[in-house]
Amino acid sequence: MHRLGHTRSTNQRDHLLHTPDTFVRTVLPGMERATAVVHISPAAGAAFAQYTAELEPGGSLGTTTNQRFLYALEGVVDLATDATFHTLNAGSFAYIPEDAAHTITAQQASRLAVIEKPYEHLASVPSPEVLVGHEETTLSVPLNDDPDLQVRSLLPASPSFDFAVNTMTYQPGAALSMVEVHIMEHGLLMLEGGGIYRLGDHWYPVTAGDFIWMGPFCPQWFGAIGKRPAKYLIYKDWNRHPLV
């Protein structure tokens, strides 16, 4: 049944909420037997691009000269570089530096969260290398000593990396302790559960499958609602001077 133009999706000056009912699939250059749902890009004001790649068995992503981060949402994919080979299943993640030759091929129907961004070099700081891991083996720490709000940092805090990607898990009723306003922009993909997100002066119900972009200095706050934990994957730019 058509809902006559109704959607929770919205595109504001400093934030965007992208809900699955509005997803449009496209094929990016080099993709084979795969499609992409592009959630955010510089066309909408972001300094990075994030999309969900949906791969058929044998499907693959195209190449990129930018650095690339992958988080496996479901299925199984093979990541091959000149020197390494890894198989990624749900919860696995990988960082691939700029200009690193690599292939990503699905063993079965799979979905990947993909983040791509031009790398910002720092003098005398070495560029990062390929990194592969799994969320379950990444240390979980409470945010601001709140045991009901756990954070897993998927990339090292090293200045070699110019962005960070974390998962954050909220027990039912848990919430951020403050409304945050800061220079970092975010790309956020809801993985489980749901709650209420404040973005600017707006309050949005959000649930698994939704994507949120938050521009620099957008007021932001989240509280988990429901009977199951809420969890999201979140990107932020990091480790660089604001004038660069």
Protein backbone atom coordinates (compact mmCIF):
# COMPACT_ATOMS: atom_id res chain seq x y z
CA MET A 1 0.00 0.00 0.00
CA HIS A 2 1.41 3.38 -1.00
CA ARG A 3 1.78 5.89 1.83
CA LEU A 4 1.18 8.91 -0.42
CA GLY A 5 4.54 10.65 -0.01
CA HIS A 6 5.14 9.91 3.68
CA THR A 7 8.67 9.08 4.87
CA ARG A 8 10.90 9.60 7.91
CA SER A 9 13.78 10.56 5.58
CA THR A 10 14.83 14.19 5.67
CA ASN A 11 17.71 16.29 4.34
CA GLN A 12 18.53 19.38 6.40
CA ARG A 13 21.39 21.87 6.23
CA ASP A 14 23.49 20.12 8.90
CA HIS A 15 22.07 16.58 8.98
CA LEU A 16 20.41 13.88 6.95
CA LEU A 17 18.23 10.92 7.90
CA HIS A 18 18.10 8.25 5.18
CA THR A 19 15.54 5.49 5.79
CA PRO A 20 15.20 2.22 3.83
CA ASP A 21 11.87 3.17 2.25
CA THR A 22 13.71 5.85 0.23
CA PHE A 23 16.80 3.84 -0.78
CA VAL A 24 17.67 4.03 -4.47
CA ARG A 25 20.17 1.48 -5.79
CA THR A 26 22.83 2.27 -8.35
CA VAL A 27 25.88 0.60 -9.88
CA LEU A 28 29.17 2.35 -9.13
CA PRO A 29 32.07 2.17 -11.62
CA GLY A 30 33.79 -1.20 -11.54
CA MET A 31 31.05 -3.00 -9.65
CA GLU A 32 30.08 -6.42 -10.97
CA ARG A 33 26.95 -8.24 -9.85
CA ALA A 34 26.55 -5.63 -7.15
CA THR A 35 24.66 -2.44 -6.38
CA ALA A 36 25.16 0.45 -3.97
CA VAL A 37 22.84 2.51 -1.80
CA VAL A 38 24.74 5.78 -1.50
CA HIS A 39 23.84 7.35 1.84
CA ILE A 40 26.07 10.45 1.82
CA SER A 41 28.74 12.03 -0.37
CA PRO A 42 30.36 15.43 -0.99
CA ALA A 43 27.35 16.27 -3.17
CA ALA A 44 25.36 16.63 0.06
CA GLY A 45 28.09 18.50 1.94
CA ALA A 46 30.11 15.66 3.46
CA ALA A 47 33.89 15.27 3.22
CA PHE A 48 33.56 11.50 2.73
CA ALA A 49 31.29 8.99 1.02
CA GLN A 50 29.40 6.15 2.67
CA TYR A 51 27.29 3.51 0.97
CA THR A 52 25.89 0.05 1.51
CA ALA A 53 27.14 -2.41 -1.09
CA GLU A 54 24.83 -5.34 -1.89
CA LEU A 55 26.68 -8.17 -3.64
CA GLU A 56 25.37 -11.27 -5.36
CA PRO A 57 27.43 -14.48 -5.12
CA GLY A 58 30.61 -13.74 -7.07
CA GLY A 59 29.88 -10.00 -7.03
CA SER A 60 32.68 -7.50 -6.48
CA LEU A 61 33.37 -3.84 -5.75
CA GLY A 62 35.24 -1.55 -8.10
CA THR A 63 38.62 -0.03 -7.36
CA THR A 64 39.28 3.26 -5.61
CA THR A 65 42.34 5.48 -5.14
CA ASN A 66 40.92 6.70 -1.82
CA GLN A 67 41.27 4.96 1.51
CA ARG A 68 38.43 2.52 2.13
CA PHE A 69 36.85 1.02 5.25
CA LEU A 70 34.59 -2.04 5.13
CA TYR A 71 32.25 -3.47 7.76
CA ALA A 72 30.54 -6.74 6.86
CA LEU A 73 26.82 -6.58 7.64
CA GLU A 74 25.93 -10.06 6.39
CA GLY A 75 27.29 -12.81 4.15
CA VAL A 76 30.93 -13.68 3.42
CA VAL A 77 33.42 -11.80 1.21
CA ASP A 78 37.07 -12.31 0.31
CA LEU A 79 39.51 -9.39 0.53
CA ALA A 80 42.74 -9.85 -1.43
CA THR A 81 45.66 -7.41 -1.61
CA ASP A 82 49.11 -7.79 -3.14
CA ALA A 83 50.39 -9.31 0.12
CA THR A 84 47.38 -10.58 2.08
CA PHE A 85 44.15 -12.56 1.79
CA HIS A 86 41.30 -12.40 4.30
CA THR A 87 37.78 -13.74 4.50
CA LEU A 88 35.29 -11.37 6.13
CA ASN A 89 32.01 -12.48 7.69
CA ALA A 90 29.36 -10.53 9.58
CA GLY A 91 31.06 -8.24 12.11
CA SER A 92 34.43 -8.32 10.33
CA PHE A 93 36.00 -5.04 9.28
CA ALA A 94 38.92 -3.96 7.12
CA TYR A 95 40.87 -0.78 6.44
CA ILE A 96 42.56 -0.40 3.05
CA PRO A 97 44.93 2.57 2.54
CA GLU A 98 44.86 4.87 -0.48
CA ASP A 99 46.19 3.49 -3.74
CA ALA A 100 46.39 -0.06 -2.34
CA ALA A 101 45.50 -2.57 -5.03
CA HIS A 102 42.83 -4.93 -3.75
CA THR A 103 39.79 -6.96 -4.72
CA ILE A 104 36.60 -7.64 -2.76
CA THR A 105 34.57 -10.62 -3.93
CA ALA A 106 31.46 -12.15 -2.37
CA GLN A 107 31.33 -15.89 -1.67
CA GLN A 108 27.55 -15.59 -1.20
CA ALA A 109 24.91 -12.87 -1.11
CA SER A 110 26.49 -10.22 1.12
CA ARG A 111 26.11 -6.65 2.34
CA LEU A 112 28.93 -4.29 3.28
CA ALA A 113 29.01 -0.86 4.87
CA VAL A 114 31.65 1.03 2.87
CA ILE A 115 33.33 4.32 3.80
CA GLU A 116 35.69 6.09 1.38
CA LYS A 117 37.64 9.28 1.99
CA PRO A 118 40.67 11.09 0.52
CA TYR A 119 43.62 10.62 2.88
CA GLU A 120 45.00 13.67 4.72
CA HIS A 121 48.77 13.23 5.10
CA LEU A 122 50.68 14.49 8.13
CA ALA A 123 54.37 15.36 7.81
CA SER A 124 56.65 12.79 9.48
CA VAL A 125 53.70 10.46 10.20
CA PRO A 126 53.68 7.17 8.27
CA SER A 127 50.57 6.27 6.32
CA PRO A 128 48.53 3.36 7.73
CA GLU A 129 48.70 -0.15 6.34
CA VAL A 130 46.00 -2.75 5.64
CA LEU A 131 44.20 -3.68 8.83
CA VAL A 132 41.64 -6.47 9.29
CA GLY A 133 39.75 -7.46 12.43
CA HIS A 134 36.45 -8.55 13.91
CA GLU A 135 34.22 -6.52 16.19
CA GLU A 136 33.80 -9.35 18.70
CA THR A 137 37.55 -9.46 19.38
CA THR A 138 37.79 -5.67 19.79
CA LEU A 139 37.90 -4.31 23.34
CA SER A 140 34.57 -2.96 24.60
CA VAL A 141 34.81 -0.01 27.00
CA PRO A 142 32.08 1.99 28.78
CA LEU A 143 31.53 5.54 27.57
CA ASN A 144 32.00 8.01 30.45
CA ASP A 145 32.01 5.06 32.90
CA ASP A 146 28.45 4.08 31.95
CA PRO A 147 28.35 0.26 31.74
CA ASP A 148 25.09 0.44 29.76
CA LEU A 149 26.81 2.29 26.90
CA GLN A 150 29.69 0.34 25.36
CA VAL A 151 32.10 1.50 22.65
CA ARG A 152 34.37 -0.61 20.45
CA SER A 153 37.03 1.30 18.49
CA LEU A 154 37.62 -0.53 15.22
CA LEU A 155 40.62 1.58 14.15
CA PRO A 156 43.70 2.47 16.24
CA ALA A 157 43.97 5.91 17.82
CA SER A 158 47.27 6.39 15.96
CA PRO A 159 47.74 9.75 14.17
CA SER A 160 48.40 7.71 11.03
CA PHE A 161 44.61 7.38 10.73
CA ASP A 162 42.63 10.50 9.83
CA PHE A 163 39.26 9.02 10.77
CA ALA A 164 37.78 6.68 13.35
CA VAL A 165 35.04 4.07 13.15
CA ASN A 166 33.35 2.69 16.27
CA THR A 167 30.39 0.60 17.21
CA MET A 168 28.28 1.85 20.11
CA THR A 169 25.82 -0.35 21.98
CA TYR A 170 23.14 1.05 24.31
CA GLN A 171 21.18 -1.05 26.73
CA PRO A 172 17.42 -0.25 26.73
CA GLY A 173 16.99 3.17 28.35
CA ALA A 174 20.66 4.16 28.03
CA ALA A 175 21.46 7.55 26.51
CA LEU A 176 24.28 9.95 25.82
CA SER A 177 24.99 12.01 28.92
CA MET A 178 24.95 15.32 27.05
CA VAL A 179 23.98 16.96 23.80
CA GLU A 180 27.21 17.01 21.80
CA VAL A 181 28.28 19.89 19.55
CA HIS A 182 31.70 19.50 17.90
CA ILE A 183 33.73 19.94 14.73
CA MET A 184 33.68 16.27 13.71
CA GLU A 185 31.16 15.06 11.17
CA HIS A 186 29.56 11.63 11.46
CA GLY A 187 28.18 8.89 9.28
CA LEU A 188 26.01 6.55 11.36
CA LEU A 189 24.35 3.30 10.37
CA MET A 190 21.84 1.80 12.79
CA LEU A 191 22.61 -1.91 13.14
CA GLU A 192 20.19 -3.09 15.83
CA GLY A 193 17.32 -1.81 17.93
CA GLY A 194 16.21 1.80 17.87
CA GLY A 195 15.57 4.96 19.79
CA ILE A 196 15.31 8.72 19.48
CA TYR A 197 17.98 10.88 17.82
CA ARG A 198 18.13 14.63 18.34
CA LEU A 199 19.73 16.36 15.35
CA GLY A 200 19.78 20.13 15.49
CA ASP A 201 16.35 21.16 16.79
CA HIS A 202 14.66 18.02 15.40
CA TRP A 203 13.83 14.75 17.16
CA TYR A 204 13.67 11.59 15.06
CA PRO A 205 12.61 8.01 15.80
CA VAL A 206 15.28 5.75 14.32
CA THR A 207 15.58 2.00 13.87
CA ALA A 208 17.87 -0.67 12.42
CA GLY A 209 18.66 0.04 8.77
CA ASP A 210 18.50 3.83 9.06
CA PHE A 211 21.49 6.02 8.14
CA ILE A 212 22.30 9.43 9.64
CA TRP A 213 24.78 12.06 8.52
CA MET A 214 25.70 14.79 11.01
CA GLY A 215 27.63 17.80 9.79
CA PRO A 216 30.18 19.68 11.89
CA PHE A 217 28.68 21.42 14.92
CA CYS A 218 25.26 19.80 14.49
CA PRO A 219 23.74 19.37 17.99
CA GLN A 220 23.31 15.63 18.52
CA TRP A 221 21.99 13.25 21.17
CA PHE A 222 20.68 9.67 21.25
CA GLY A 223 18.64 7.60 23.67
CA ALA A 224 17.76 3.92 23.24
CA ILE A 225 14.09 2.92 23.38
CA GLY A 226 12.59 -0.55 23.31
CA LYS A 227 13.20 -3.95 24.89
CA ARG A 228 16.46 -4.78 23.09
CA PRO A 229 19.81 -2.98 22.90
CA ALA A 230 20.39 -0.35 20.25
CA LYS A 231 23.63 -0.50 18.29
CA TYR A 232 25.16 1.59 15.54
CA LEU A 233 28.32 1.90 13.44
CA ILE A 234 29.67 5.45 13.50
CA TYR A 235 32.35 7.27 11.48
CA LYS A 236 34.08 10.50 12.45
CA ASP A 237 36.97 12.49 11.03
CA TRP A 238 39.81 12.53 13.55
CA ASN A 239 43.44 13.38 14.32
CA ARG A 240 43.72 16.38 12.02
CA HIS A 241 43.87 20.16 12.63
CA PRO A 242 40.59 21.96 11.82
CA LEU A 243 42.33 24.41 9.47
CA VAL A 244 43.80 21.69 7.28
